[in-house]
Amino acid sequence: MAVPLLPVGRRGLGLLCAAVRSGQLRWWHLTGGVCGALFVAGQGISVGSVGVAGYGAWSGPGMLTLAVATIVVRRIGVLVFGLASVAGQLLGAVLLDAITFLALLLAARPVPERR
């Protein structure tokens, strides 16, 4: 929101628009930033109603699903990038998901009462 108010922000927006007009940057390159902004806005809105634990429980699997879908799209070669070897990315996604799952299990276990 404050980007157009600062001189450096206006300069950056001008460079961004020029890159899109010249074809150096395609319109679909900008969708990642738009999706990120929507994700952060959705996070701020939903945490107030479902709580931090509820949000964490549902955003993790959602992001994993998106990551796996992205890896599959890259492997199939649907976009202009062509085929890509994604074994390392897939292994990293699975390992990070396992670590997150274990951390949630440890955090959710009941704490014994002190007498």
PDB file of N, CA and C in Angstrom:
ATOM      1  N   MET A   1       0.806  -1.186   0.000  1.00  0.00           N
ATOM      2  CA  MET A   1       0.000   0.000   0.000  1.00  0.00           C
ATOM      3  C   MET A   1       0.858   1.262   0.000  1.00  0.00           C
ATOM      4  N   ALA A   2       1.974   1.229   0.688  1.00  0.00           N
ATOM      5  CA  ALA A   2       2.809   2.422   0.795  1.00  0.00           C
ATOM      6  C   ALA A   2       3.821   2.530  -0.336  1.00  0.00           C
ATOM      7  N   VAL A   3       3.885   1.525  -1.200  1.00  0.00           N
ATOM      8  CA  VAL A   3       4.893   1.525  -2.262  1.00  0.00           C
ATOM      9  C   VAL A   3       4.788   2.757  -3.158  1.00  0.00           C
ATOM     10  N   PRO A   4       3.602   3.138  -3.641  1.00  0.00           N
ATOM     11  CA  PRO A   4       3.532   4.320  -4.515  1.00  0.00           C
ATOM     12  C   PRO A   4       3.841   5.637  -3.802  1.00  0.00           C
ATOM     13  N   LEU A   5       3.843   5.636  -2.482  1.00  0.00           N
ATOM     14  CA  LEU A   5       4.085   6.871  -1.740  1.00  0.00           C
ATOM     15  C   LEU A   5       5.571   7.220  -1.651  1.00  0.00           C
ATOM     16  N   LEU A   6       6.434   6.235  -1.789  1.00  0.00           N
ATOM     17  CA  LEU A   6       7.873   6.472  -1.667  1.00  0.00           C
ATOM     18  C   LEU A   6       8.518   6.585  -3.045  1.00  0.00           C
ATOM     19  N   PRO A   7       9.525   7.435  -3.195  1.00  0.00           N
ATOM     20  CA  PRO A   7      10.175   7.585  -4.500  1.00  0.00           C
ATOM     21  C   PRO A   7      10.767   6.274  -5.024  1.00  0.00           C
ATOM     22  N   VAL A   8      11.395   5.502  -4.156  1.00  0.00           N
ATOM     23  CA  VAL A   8      11.978   4.249  -4.602  1.00  0.00           C
ATOM     24  C   VAL A   8      10.886   3.262  -5.038  1.00  0.00           C
ATOM     25  N   GLY A   9       9.736   3.311  -4.385  1.00  0.00           N
ATOM     26  CA  GLY A   9       8.614   2.453  -4.769  1.00  0.00           C
ATOM     27  C   GLY A   9       8.040   2.835  -6.122  1.00  0.00           C
ATOM     28  N   ARG A  10       7.913   4.132  -6.373  1.00  0.00           N
ATOM     29  CA  ARG A  10       7.419   4.592  -7.676  1.00  0.00           C
ATOM     30  C   ARG A  10       8.380   4.213  -8.787  1.00  0.00           C
ATOM     31  N   ARG A  11       9.676   4.315  -8.498  1.00  0.00           N
ATOM     32  CA  ARG A  11      10.683   3.936  -9.494  1.00  0.00           C
ATOM     33  C   ARG A  11      10.588   2.439  -9.792  1.00  0.00           C
ATOM     34  N   GLY A  12      10.411   1.641  -8.739  1.00  0.00           N
ATOM     35  CA  GLY A  12      10.278   0.191  -8.921  1.00  0.00           C
ATOM     36  C   GLY A  12       9.028  -0.176  -9.695  1.00  0.00           C
ATOM     37  N   LEU A  13       7.913   0.479  -9.400  1.00  0.00           N
ATOM     38  CA  LEU A  13       6.686   0.218 -10.150  1.00  0.00           C
ATOM     39  C   LEU A  13       6.839   0.617 -11.609  1.00  0.00           C
ATOM     40  N   GLY A  14       7.546   1.705 -11.858  1.00  0.00           N
ATOM     41  CA  GLY A  14       7.798   2.113 -13.247  1.00  0.00           C
ATOM     42  C   GLY A  14       8.624   1.080 -13.993  1.00  0.00           C
ATOM     43  N   LEU A  15       9.657   0.563 -13.342  1.00  0.00           N
ATOM     44  CA  LEU A  15      10.478  -0.489 -13.958  1.00  0.00           C
ATOM     45  C   LEU A  15       9.670  -1.760 -14.196  1.00  0.00           C
ATOM     46  N   LEU A  16       8.798  -2.088 -13.260  1.00  0.00           N
ATOM     47  CA  LEU A  16       7.948  -3.264 -13.401  1.00  0.00           C
ATOM     48  C   LEU A  16       7.009  -3.115 -14.591  1.00  0.00           C
ATOM     49  N   CYS A  17       6.354  -1.977 -14.690  1.00  0.00           N
ATOM     50  CA  CYS A  17       5.444  -1.730 -15.817  1.00  0.00           C
ATOM     51  C   CYS A  17       6.187  -1.741 -17.141  1.00  0.00           C
ATOM     52  N   ALA A  18       7.380  -1.152 -17.173  1.00  0.00           N
ATOM     53  CA  ALA A  18       8.179  -1.141 -18.403  1.00  0.00           C
ATOM     54  C   ALA A  18       8.582  -2.547 -18.809  1.00  0.00           C
ATOM     55  N   ALA A  19       8.926  -3.389 -17.835  1.00  0.00           N
ATOM     56  CA  ALA A  19       9.314  -4.770 -18.136  1.00  0.00           C
ATOM     57  C   ALA A  19       8.133  -5.565 -18.681  1.00  0.00           C
ATOM     58  N   VAL A  20       6.941  -5.312 -18.164  1.00  0.00           N
ATOM     59  CA  VAL A  20       5.755  -6.007 -18.672  1.00  0.00           C
ATOM     60  C   VAL A  20       5.433  -5.524 -20.081  1.00  0.00           C
ATOM     61  N   ARG A  21       5.516  -4.199 -20.319  1.00  0.00           N
ATOM     62  CA  ARG A  21       5.229  -3.654 -21.653  1.00  0.00           C
ATOM     63  C   ARG A  21       6.213  -4.141 -22.703  1.00  0.00           C
ATOM     64  N   SER A  22       7.484  -4.285 -22.321  1.00  0.00           N
ATOM     65  CA  SER A  22       8.498  -4.700 -23.295  1.00  0.00           C
ATOM     66  C   SER A  22       8.484  -6.204 -23.543  1.00  0.00           C
ATOM     67  N   GLY A  23       7.767  -6.943 -22.726  1.00  0.00           N
ATOM     68  CA  GLY A  23       7.733  -8.387 -22.893  1.00  0.00           C
ATOM     69  C   GLY A  23       8.838  -9.107 -22.140  1.00  0.00           C
ATOM     70  N   GLN A  24       9.679  -8.351 -21.476  1.00  0.00           N
ATOM     71  CA  GLN A  24      10.749  -8.950 -20.680  1.00  0.00           C
ATOM     72  C   GLN A  24      10.174  -9.710 -19.494  1.00  0.00           C
ATOM     73  N   LEU A  25       9.044  -9.268 -19.003  1.00  0.00           N
ATOM     74  CA  LEU A  25       8.341  -9.901 -17.891  1.00  0.00           C
ATOM     75  C   LEU A  25       6.915 -10.148 -18.354  1.00  0.00           C
ATOM     76  N   ARG A  26       6.492 -11.386 -18.332  1.00  0.00           N
ATOM     77  CA  ARG A  26       5.145 -11.736 -18.779  1.00  0.00           C
ATOM     78  C   ARG A  26       4.136 -11.480 -17.667  1.00  0.00           C
ATOM     79  N   TRP A  27       2.881 -11.322 -18.065  1.00  0.00           N
ATOM     80  CA  TRP A  27       1.834 -11.049 -17.085  1.00  0.00           C
ATOM     81  C   TRP A  27       1.706 -12.182 -16.088  1.00  0.00           C
ATOM     82  N   TRP A  28       1.915 -13.415 -16.530  1.00  0.00           N
ATOM     83  CA  TRP A  28       1.736 -14.543 -15.618  1.00  0.00           C
ATOM     84  C   TRP A  28       2.882 -14.671 -14.619  1.00  0.00           C
ATOM     85  N   HIS A  29       3.981 -13.963 -14.839  1.00  0.00           N
ATOM     86  CA  HIS A  29       5.035 -13.916 -13.830  1.00  0.00           C
ATOM     87  C   HIS A  29       4.549 -13.165 -12.583  1.00  0.00           C
ATOM     88  N   LEU A  30       3.627 -12.250 -12.776  1.00  0.00           N
ATOM     89  CA  LEU A  30       3.125 -11.434 -11.675  1.00  0.00           C
ATOM     90  C   LEU A  30       2.109 -12.172 -10.813  1.00  0.00           C
ATOM     91  N   THR A  31       1.592 -13.306 -11.305  1.00  0.00           N
ATOM     92  CA  THR A  31       0.561 -14.018 -10.549  1.00  0.00           C
ATOM     93  C   THR A  31       1.101 -14.566  -9.225  1.00  0.00           C
ATOM     94  N   GLY A  32       2.387 -14.886  -9.161  1.00  0.00           N
ATOM     95  CA  GLY A  32       2.962 -15.357  -7.898  1.00  0.00           C
ATOM     96  C   GLY A  32       2.852 -14.295  -6.809  1.00  0.00           C
ATOM     97  N   GLY A  33       3.153 -13.060  -7.158  1.00  0.00           N
ATOM     98  CA  GLY A  33       3.043 -11.974  -6.186  1.00  0.00           C
ATOM     99  C   GLY A  33       1.609 -11.710  -5.778  1.00  0.00           C
ATOM    100  N   VAL A  34       0.704 -11.779  -6.741  1.00  0.00           N
ATOM    101  CA  VAL A  34      -0.711 -11.569  -6.431  1.00  0.00           C
ATOM    102  C   VAL A  34      -1.222 -12.687  -5.524  1.00  0.00           C
ATOM    103  N   CYS A  35      -0.841 -13.927  -5.842  1.00  0.00           N
ATOM    104  CA  CYS A  35      -1.270 -15.058  -5.002  1.00  0.00           C
ATOM    105  C   CYS A  35      -0.678 -14.942  -3.597  1.00  0.00           C
ATOM    106  N   GLY A  36       0.552 -14.500  -3.488  1.00  0.00           N
ATOM    107  CA  GLY A  36       1.157 -14.312  -2.174  1.00  0.00           C
ATOM    108  C   GLY A  36       0.431 -13.251  -1.369  1.00  0.00           C
ATOM    109  N   ALA A  37       0.063 -12.163  -2.026  1.00  0.00           N
ATOM    110  CA  ALA A  37      -0.672 -11.105  -1.339  1.00  0.00           C
ATOM    111  C   ALA A  37      -2.044 -11.604  -0.884  1.00  0.00           C
ATOM    112  N   LEU A  38      -2.712 -12.387  -1.729  1.00  0.00           N
ATOM    113  CA  LEU A  38      -4.011 -12.942  -1.345  1.00  0.00           C
ATOM    114  C   LEU A  38      -3.866 -13.924  -0.183  1.00  0.00           C
ATOM    115  N   PHE A  39      -2.784 -14.696  -0.186  1.00  0.00           N
ATOM    116  CA  PHE A  39      -2.540 -15.641   0.902  1.00  0.00           C
ATOM    117  C   PHE A  39      -2.352 -14.906   2.222  1.00  0.00           C
ATOM    118  N   VAL A  40      -1.564 -13.854   2.214  1.00  0.00           N
ATOM    119  CA  VAL A  40      -1.324 -13.093   3.445  1.00  0.00           C
ATOM    120  C   VAL A  40      -2.605 -12.415   3.904  1.00  0.00           C
ATOM    121  N   ALA A  41      -3.376 -11.869   2.972  1.00  0.00           N
ATOM    122  CA  ALA A  41      -4.647 -11.243   3.351  1.00  0.00           C
ATOM    123  C   ALA A  41      -5.602 -12.283   3.927  1.00  0.00           C
ATOM    124  N   GLY A  42      -5.681 -13.444   3.288  1.00  0.00           N
ATOM    125  CA  GLY A  42      -6.538 -14.516   3.800  1.00  0.00           C
ATOM    126  C   GLY A  42      -6.101 -14.991   5.166  1.00  0.00           C
ATOM    127  N   GLN A  43      -4.790 -15.020   5.381  1.00  0.00           N
ATOM    128  CA  GLN A  43      -4.251 -15.418   6.680  1.00  0.00           C
ATOM    129  C   GLN A  43      -4.716 -14.444   7.759  1.00  0.00           C
ATOM    130  N   GLY A  44      -4.577 -13.186   7.503  1.00  0.00           N
ATOM    131  CA  GLY A  44      -4.977 -12.188   8.486  1.00  0.00           C
ATOM    132  C   GLY A  44      -6.466 -12.207   8.782  1.00  0.00           C
ATOM    133  N   ILE A  45      -7.257 -12.482   7.771  1.00  0.00           N
ATOM    134  CA  ILE A  45      -8.711 -12.513   7.957  1.00  0.00           C
ATOM    135  C   ILE A  45      -9.142 -13.783   8.680  1.00  0.00           C
ATOM    136  N   SER A  46      -8.585 -14.932   8.284  1.00  0.00           N
ATOM    137  CA  SER A  46      -9.072 -16.205   8.833  1.00  0.00           C
ATOM    138  C   SER A  46      -8.562 -16.495  10.234  1.00  0.00           C
ATOM    139  N   VAL A  47      -7.378 -16.013  10.590  1.00  0.00           N
ATOM    140  CA  VAL A  47      -6.847 -16.300  11.927  1.00  0.00           C
ATOM    141  C   VAL A  47      -7.760 -15.730  13.002  1.00  0.00           C
ATOM    142  N   GLY A  48      -8.374 -14.601  12.739  1.00  0.00           N
ATOM    143  CA  GLY A  48      -9.275 -14.013  13.719  1.00  0.00           C
ATOM    144  C   GLY A  48     -10.501 -14.860  13.993  1.00  0.00           C
ATOM    145  N   SER A  49     -10.958 -15.618  13.000  1.00  0.00           N
ATOM    146  CA  SER A  49     -12.174 -16.403  13.207  1.00  0.00           C
ATOM    147  C   SER A  49     -11.898 -17.846  13.595  1.00  0.00           C
ATOM    148  N   VAL A  50     -10.850 -18.471  13.047  1.00  0.00           N
ATOM    149  CA  VAL A  50     -10.603 -19.893  13.355  1.00  0.00           C
ATOM    150  C   VAL A  50      -9.488 -20.090  14.367  1.00  0.00           C
ATOM    151  N   GLY A  51      -8.737 -19.049  14.673  1.00  0.00           N
ATOM    152  CA  GLY A  51      -7.639 -19.161  15.624  1.00  0.00           C
ATOM    153  C   GLY A  51      -6.352 -19.595  14.942  1.00  0.00           C
ATOM    154  N   VAL A  52      -5.260 -19.419  15.651  1.00  0.00           N
ATOM    155  CA  VAL A  52      -3.945 -19.726  15.096  1.00  0.00           C
ATOM    156  C   VAL A  52      -3.783 -21.220  14.878  1.00  0.00           C
ATOM    157  N   ALA A  53      -4.242 -22.033  15.825  1.00  0.00           N
ATOM    158  CA  ALA A  53      -4.095 -23.488  15.691  1.00  0.00           C
ATOM    159  C   ALA A  53      -4.899 -24.009  14.508  1.00  0.00           C
ATOM    160  N   GLY A  54      -6.115 -23.525  14.370  1.00  0.00           N
ATOM    161  CA  GLY A  54      -6.941 -23.950  13.236  1.00  0.00           C
ATOM    162  C   GLY A  54      -6.334 -23.542  11.916  1.00  0.00           C
ATOM    163  N   TYR A  55      -5.833 -22.323  11.871  1.00  0.00           N
ATOM    164  CA  TYR A  55      -5.201 -21.863  10.642  1.00  0.00           C
ATOM    165  C   TYR A  55      -3.962 -22.691  10.331  1.00  0.00           C
ATOM    166  N   GLY A  56      -3.138 -22.942  11.339  1.00  0.00           N
ATOM    167  CA  GLY A  56      -1.928 -23.734  11.114  1.00  0.00           C
ATOM    168  C   GLY A  56      -2.232 -25.139  10.673  1.00  0.00           C
ATOM    169  N   ALA A  57      -3.292 -25.729  11.234  1.00  0.00           N
ATOM    170  CA  ALA A  57      -3.655 -27.096  10.883  1.00  0.00           C
ATOM    171  C   ALA A  57      -4.124 -27.216   9.446  1.00  0.00           C
ATOM    172  N   TRP A  58      -4.715 -26.163   8.902  1.00  0.00           N
ATOM    173  CA  TRP A  58      -5.230 -26.245   7.541  1.00  0.00           C
ATOM    174  C   TRP A  58      -4.325 -25.608   6.497  1.00  0.00           C
ATOM    175  N   SER A  59      -3.510 -24.651   6.871  1.00  0.00           N
ATOM    176  CA  SER A  59      -2.660 -24.015   5.859  1.00  0.00           C
ATOM    177  C   SER A  59      -1.485 -24.903   5.480  1.00  0.00           C
ATOM    178  N   GLY A  60      -0.966 -25.686   6.424  1.00  0.00           N
ATOM    179  CA  GLY A  60       0.154 -26.582   6.113  1.00  0.00           C
ATOM    180  C   GLY A  60      -0.183 -27.582   5.020  1.00  0.00           C
ATOM    181  N   PRO A  61      -1.250 -28.374   5.188  1.00  0.00           N
ATOM    182  CA  PRO A  61      -1.616 -29.311   4.112  1.00  0.00           C
ATOM    183  C   PRO A  61      -1.978 -28.610   2.809  1.00  0.00           C
ATOM    184  N   GLY A  62      -2.574 -27.432   2.908  1.00  0.00           N
ATOM    185  CA  GLY A  62      -2.901 -26.699   1.682  1.00  0.00           C
ATOM    186  C   GLY A  62      -1.654 -26.283   0.926  1.00  0.00           C
ATOM    187  N   MET A  63      -0.647 -25.805   1.648  1.00  0.00           N
ATOM    188  CA  MET A  63       0.602 -25.406   0.990  1.00  0.00           C
ATOM    189  C   MET A  63       1.334 -26.628   0.439  1.00  0.00           C
ATOM    190  N   LEU A  64       1.271 -27.758   1.154  1.00  0.00           N
ATOM    191  CA  LEU A  64       1.899 -28.984   0.650  1.00  0.00           C
ATOM    192  C   LEU A  64       1.226 -29.439  -0.633  1.00  0.00           C
ATOM    193  N   THR A  65      -0.102 -29.371  -0.670  1.00  0.00           N
ATOM    194  CA  THR A  65      -0.830 -29.743  -1.882  1.00  0.00           C
ATOM    195  C   THR A  65      -0.425 -28.854  -3.047  1.00  0.00           C
ATOM    196  N   LEU A  66      -0.302 -27.566  -2.800  1.00  0.00           N
ATOM    197  CA  LEU A  66       0.118 -26.639  -3.842  1.00  0.00           C
ATOM    198  C   LEU A  66       1.543 -26.941  -4.304  1.00  0.00           C
ATOM    199  N   ALA A  67       2.427 -27.263  -3.364  1.00  0.00           N
ATOM    200  CA  ALA A  67       3.815 -27.578  -3.723  1.00  0.00           C
ATOM    201  C   ALA A  67       3.886 -28.838  -4.560  1.00  0.00           C
ATOM    202  N   VAL A  68       3.140 -29.862  -4.189  1.00  0.00           N
ATOM    203  CA  VAL A  68       3.150 -31.109  -4.963  1.00  0.00           C
ATOM    204  C   VAL A  68       2.553 -30.872  -6.346  1.00  0.00           C
ATOM    205  N   ALA A  69       1.468 -30.094  -6.420  1.00  0.00           N
ATOM    206  CA  ALA A  69       0.879 -29.787  -7.726  1.00  0.00           C
ATOM    207  C   ALA A  69       1.867 -29.039  -8.607  1.00  0.00           C
ATOM    208  N   THR A  70       2.617 -28.118  -8.029  1.00  0.00           N
ATOM    209  CA  THR A  70       3.627 -27.381  -8.787  1.00  0.00           C
ATOM    210  C   THR A  70       4.714 -28.311  -9.295  1.00  0.00           C
ATOM    211  N   ILE A  71       5.143 -29.229  -8.448  1.00  0.00           N
ATOM    212  CA  ILE A  71       6.176 -30.189  -8.855  1.00  0.00           C
ATOM    213  C   ILE A  71       5.669 -31.069  -9.987  1.00  0.00           C
ATOM    214  N   VAL A  72       4.419 -31.515  -9.906  1.00  0.00           N
ATOM    215  CA  VAL A  72       3.848 -32.356 -10.959  1.00  0.00           C
ATOM    216  C   VAL A  72       3.763 -31.581 -12.270  1.00  0.00           C
ATOM    217  N   VAL A  73       3.316 -30.323 -12.197  1.00  0.00           N
ATOM    218  CA  VAL A  73       3.219 -29.502 -13.411  1.00  0.00           C
ATOM    219  C   VAL A  73       4.602 -29.316 -14.044  1.00  0.00           C
ATOM    220  N   ARG A  74       5.615 -29.089 -13.218  1.00  0.00           N
ATOM    221  CA  ARG A  74       6.976 -28.932 -13.759  1.00  0.00           C
ATOM    222  C   ARG A  74       7.479 -30.225 -14.372  1.00  0.00           C
ATOM    223  N   ARG A  75       7.146 -31.351 -13.747  1.00  0.00           N
ATOM    224  CA  ARG A  75       7.628 -32.636 -14.248  1.00  0.00           C
ATOM    225  C   ARG A  75       6.961 -33.000 -15.566  1.00  0.00           C
ATOM    226  N   ILE A  76       5.664 -32.708 -15.684  1.00  0.00           N
ATOM    227  CA  ILE A  76       4.939 -33.016 -16.912  1.00  0.00           C
ATOM    228  C   ILE A  76       5.371 -32.080 -18.033  1.00  0.00           C
ATOM    229  N   GLY A  77       5.758 -30.870 -17.684  1.00  0.00           N
ATOM    230  CA  GLY A  77       6.197 -29.906 -18.686  1.00  0.00           C
ATOM    231  C   GLY A  77       5.051 -29.127 -19.290  1.00  0.00           C
ATOM    232  N   VAL A  78       4.023 -28.839 -18.504  1.00  0.00           N
ATOM    233  CA  VAL A  78       2.850 -28.142 -19.006  1.00  0.00           C
ATOM    234  C   VAL A  78       3.172 -26.709 -19.411  1.00  0.00           C
ATOM    235  N   LEU A  79       3.967 -26.018 -18.624  1.00  0.00           N
ATOM    236  CA  LEU A  79       4.253 -24.616 -18.908  1.00  0.00           C
ATOM    237  C   LEU A  79       5.433 -24.487 -19.865  1.00  0.00           C
ATOM    238  N   VAL A  80       5.836 -23.284 -20.126  1.00  0.00           N
ATOM    239  CA  VAL A  80       6.876 -23.025 -21.113  1.00  0.00           C
ATOM    240  C   VAL A  80       8.276 -23.429 -20.651  1.00  0.00           C
ATOM    241  N   PHE A  81       8.400 -23.849 -19.399  1.00  0.00           N
ATOM    242  CA  PHE A  81       9.718 -24.173 -18.875  1.00  0.00           C
ATOM    243  C   PHE A  81      10.219 -25.519 -19.363  1.00  0.00           C
ATOM    244  N   GLY A  82       9.328 -26.355 -19.874  1.00  0.00           N
ATOM    245  CA  GLY A  82       9.716 -27.677 -20.324  1.00  0.00           C
ATOM    246  C   GLY A  82       9.822 -28.639 -19.163  1.00  0.00           C
ATOM    247  N   LEU A  83      10.315 -29.826 -19.459  1.00  0.00           N
ATOM    248  CA  LEU A  83      10.458 -30.850 -18.433  1.00  0.00           C
ATOM    249  C   LEU A  83      11.559 -30.476 -17.453  1.00  0.00           C
ATOM    250  N   ALA A  84      11.373 -30.858 -16.215  1.00  0.00           N
ATOM    251  CA  ALA A  84      12.373 -30.564 -15.197  1.00  0.00           C
ATOM    252  C   ALA A  84      12.506 -31.770 -14.282  1.00  0.00           C
ATOM    253  N   SER A  85      13.708 -32.033 -13.837  1.00  0.00           N
ATOM    254  CA  SER A  85      13.926 -33.075 -12.848  1.00  0.00           C
ATOM    255  C   SER A  85      13.529 -32.523 -11.488  1.00  0.00           C
ATOM    256  N   VAL A  86      12.602 -33.188 -10.849  1.00  0.00           N
ATOM    257  CA  VAL A  86      12.046 -32.656  -9.614  1.00  0.00           C
ATOM    258  C   VAL A  86      12.244 -33.592  -8.430  1.00  0.00           C
ATOM    259  N   ALA A  87      13.098 -34.570  -8.553  1.00  0.00           N
ATOM    260  CA  ALA A  87      13.279 -35.542  -7.474  1.00  0.00           C
ATOM    261  C   ALA A  87      13.748 -34.866  -6.191  1.00  0.00           C
ATOM    262  N   GLY A  88      14.695 -33.946  -6.297  1.00  0.00           N
ATOM    263  CA  GLY A  88      15.195 -33.253  -5.114  1.00  0.00           C
ATOM    264  C   GLY A  88      14.128 -32.388  -4.463  1.00  0.00           C
ATOM    265  N   GLN A  89      13.337 -31.720  -5.272  1.00  0.00           N
ATOM    266  CA  GLN A  89      12.266 -30.886  -4.736  1.00  0.00           C
ATOM    267  C   GLN A  89      11.203 -31.734  -4.049  1.00  0.00           C
ATOM    268  N   LEU A  90      10.877 -32.865  -4.654  1.00  0.00           N
ATOM    269  CA  LEU A  90       9.877 -33.744  -4.066  1.00  0.00           C
ATOM    270  C   LEU A  90      10.369 -34.319  -2.741  1.00  0.00           C
ATOM    271  N   LEU A  91      11.616 -34.731  -2.710  1.00  0.00           N
ATOM    272  CA  LEU A  91      12.195 -35.253  -1.471  1.00  0.00           C
ATOM    273  C   LEU A  91      12.202 -34.173  -0.382  1.00  0.00           C
ATOM    274  N   GLY A  92      12.582 -32.956  -0.743  1.00  0.00           N
ATOM    275  CA  GLY A  92      12.583 -31.853   0.210  1.00  0.00           C
ATOM    276  C   GLY A  92      11.189 -31.556   0.730  1.00  0.00           C
ATOM    277  N   ALA A  93      10.184 -31.585  -0.145  1.00  0.00           N
ATOM    278  CA  ALA A  93       8.805 -31.327   0.284  1.00  0.00           C
ATOM    279  C   ALA A  93       8.322 -32.401   1.255  1.00  0.00           C
ATOM    280  N   VAL A  94       8.644 -33.644   0.958  1.00  0.00           N
ATOM    281  CA  VAL A  94       8.221 -34.742   1.842  1.00  0.00           C
ATOM    282  C   VAL A  94       8.920 -34.641   3.192  1.00  0.00           C
ATOM    283  N   LEU A  95      10.216 -34.345   3.198  1.00  0.00           N
ATOM    284  CA  LEU A  95      10.939 -34.226   4.458  1.00  0.00           C
ATOM    285  C   LEU A  95      10.417 -33.060   5.303  1.00  0.00           C
ATOM    286  N   LEU A  96      10.183 -31.922   4.673  1.00  0.00           N
ATOM    287  CA  LEU A  96       9.654 -30.784   5.423  1.00  0.00           C
ATOM    288  C   LEU A  96       8.263 -31.066   5.969  1.00  0.00           C
ATOM    289  N   ASP A  97       7.445 -31.779   5.196  1.00  0.00           N
ATOM    290  CA  ASP A  97       6.118 -32.123   5.680  1.00  0.00           C
ATOM    291  C   ASP A  97       6.200 -33.086   6.859  1.00  0.00           C
ATOM    292  N   ALA A  98       7.104 -34.048   6.800  1.00  0.00           N
ATOM    293  CA  ALA A  98       7.268 -34.987   7.916  1.00  0.00           C
ATOM    294  C   ALA A  98       7.735 -34.264   9.176  1.00  0.00           C
ATOM    295  N   ILE A  99       8.665 -33.335   9.028  1.00  0.00           N
ATOM    296  CA  ILE A  99       9.146 -32.570  10.179  1.00  0.00           C
ATOM    297  C   ILE A  99       8.014 -31.730  10.774  1.00  0.00           C
ATOM    298  N   THR A 100       7.213 -31.109   9.918  1.00  0.00           N
ATOM    299  CA  THR A 100       6.089 -30.309  10.387  1.00  0.00           C
ATOM    300  C   THR A 100       5.064 -31.176  11.110  1.00  0.00           C
ATOM    301  N   PHE A 101       4.787 -32.348  10.555  1.00  0.00           N
ATOM    302  CA  PHE A 101       3.833 -33.260  11.177  1.00  0.00           C
ATOM    303  C   PHE A 101       4.313 -33.699  12.552  1.00  0.00           C
ATOM    304  N   LEU A 102       5.585 -34.040  12.671  1.00  0.00           N
ATOM    305  CA  LEU A 102       6.136 -34.439  13.966  1.00  0.00           C
ATOM    306  C   LEU A 102       6.098 -33.293  14.973  1.00  0.00           C
ATOM    307  N   ALA A 103       6.404 -32.097  14.513  1.00  0.00           N
ATOM    308  CA  ALA A 103       6.354 -30.935  15.410  1.00  0.00           C
ATOM    309  C   ALA A 103       4.933 -30.691  15.907  1.00  0.00           C
ATOM    310  N   LEU A 104       3.941 -30.853  15.027  1.00  0.00           N
ATOM    311  CA  LEU A 104       2.550 -30.682  15.444  1.00  0.00           C
ATOM    312  C   LEU A 104       2.135 -31.765  16.428  1.00  0.00           C
ATOM    313  N   LEU A 105       2.602 -32.993  16.209  1.00  0.00           N
ATOM    314  CA  LEU A 105       2.293 -34.066  17.152  1.00  0.00           C
ATOM    315  C   LEU A 105       2.878 -33.781  18.530  1.00  0.00           C
ATOM    316  N   LEU A 106       4.106 -33.316  18.560  1.00  0.00           N
ATOM    317  CA  LEU A 106       4.739 -33.001  19.844  1.00  0.00           C
ATOM    318  C   LEU A 106       4.061 -31.828  20.529  1.00  0.00           C
ATOM    319  N   ALA A 107       3.659 -30.843  19.755  1.00  0.00           N
ATOM    320  CA  ALA A 107       3.027 -29.658  20.335  1.00  0.00           C
ATOM    321  C   ALA A 107       1.616 -29.952  20.832  1.00  0.00           C
ATOM    322  N   ALA A 108       0.948 -30.940  20.248  1.00  0.00           N
ATOM    323  CA  ALA A 108      -0.443 -31.212  20.588  1.00  0.00           C
ATOM    324  C   ALA A 108      -0.609 -32.223  21.717  1.00  0.00           C
ATOM    325  N   ARG A 109       0.472 -32.839  22.145  1.00  0.00           N
ATOM    326  CA  ARG A 109       0.319 -33.846  23.202  1.00  0.00           C
ATOM    327  C   ARG A 109      -0.029 -33.170  24.526  1.00  0.00           C
ATOM    328  N   PRO A 110      -0.787 -33.865  25.354  1.00  0.00           N
ATOM    329  CA  PRO A 110      -1.192 -33.261  26.622  1.00  0.00           C
ATOM    330  C   PRO A 110      -0.010 -33.101  27.585  1.00  0.00           C
ATOM    331  N   VAL A 111      -0.068 -32.037  28.340  1.00  0.00           N
ATOM    332  CA  VAL A 111       0.965 -31.770  29.336  1.00  0.00           C
ATOM    333  C   VAL A 111       0.512 -32.393  30.668  1.00  0.00           C
ATOM    334  N   PRO A 112       1.335 -33.222  31.307  1.00  0.00           N
ATOM    335  CA  PRO A 112       0.904 -33.832  32.571  1.00  0.00           C
ATOM    336  C   PRO A 112       0.723 -32.765  33.658  1.00  0.00           C
ATOM    337  N   GLU A 113      -0.266 -33.024  34.500  1.00  0.00           N
ATOM    338  CA  GLU A 113      -0.550 -32.086  35.581  1.00  0.00           C
ATOM    339  C   GLU A 113       0.500 -32.209  36.678  1.00  0.00           C
ATOM    340  N   ARG A 114       0.815 -31.091  37.307  1.00  0.00           N
ATOM    341  CA  ARG A 114       1.718 -31.090  38.452  1.00  0.00           C
ATOM    342  C   ARG A 114       0.902 -31.173  39.725  1.00  0.00           C
ATOM    343  N   ARG A 115       1.399 -31.877  40.684  1.00  0.00           N
ATOM    344  CA  ARG A 115       0.663 -32.015  41.957  1.00  0.00           C
ATOM    345  C   ARG A 115       1.287 -31.196  43.019  1.00  0.00           C
TER     346      ARG A 115
END
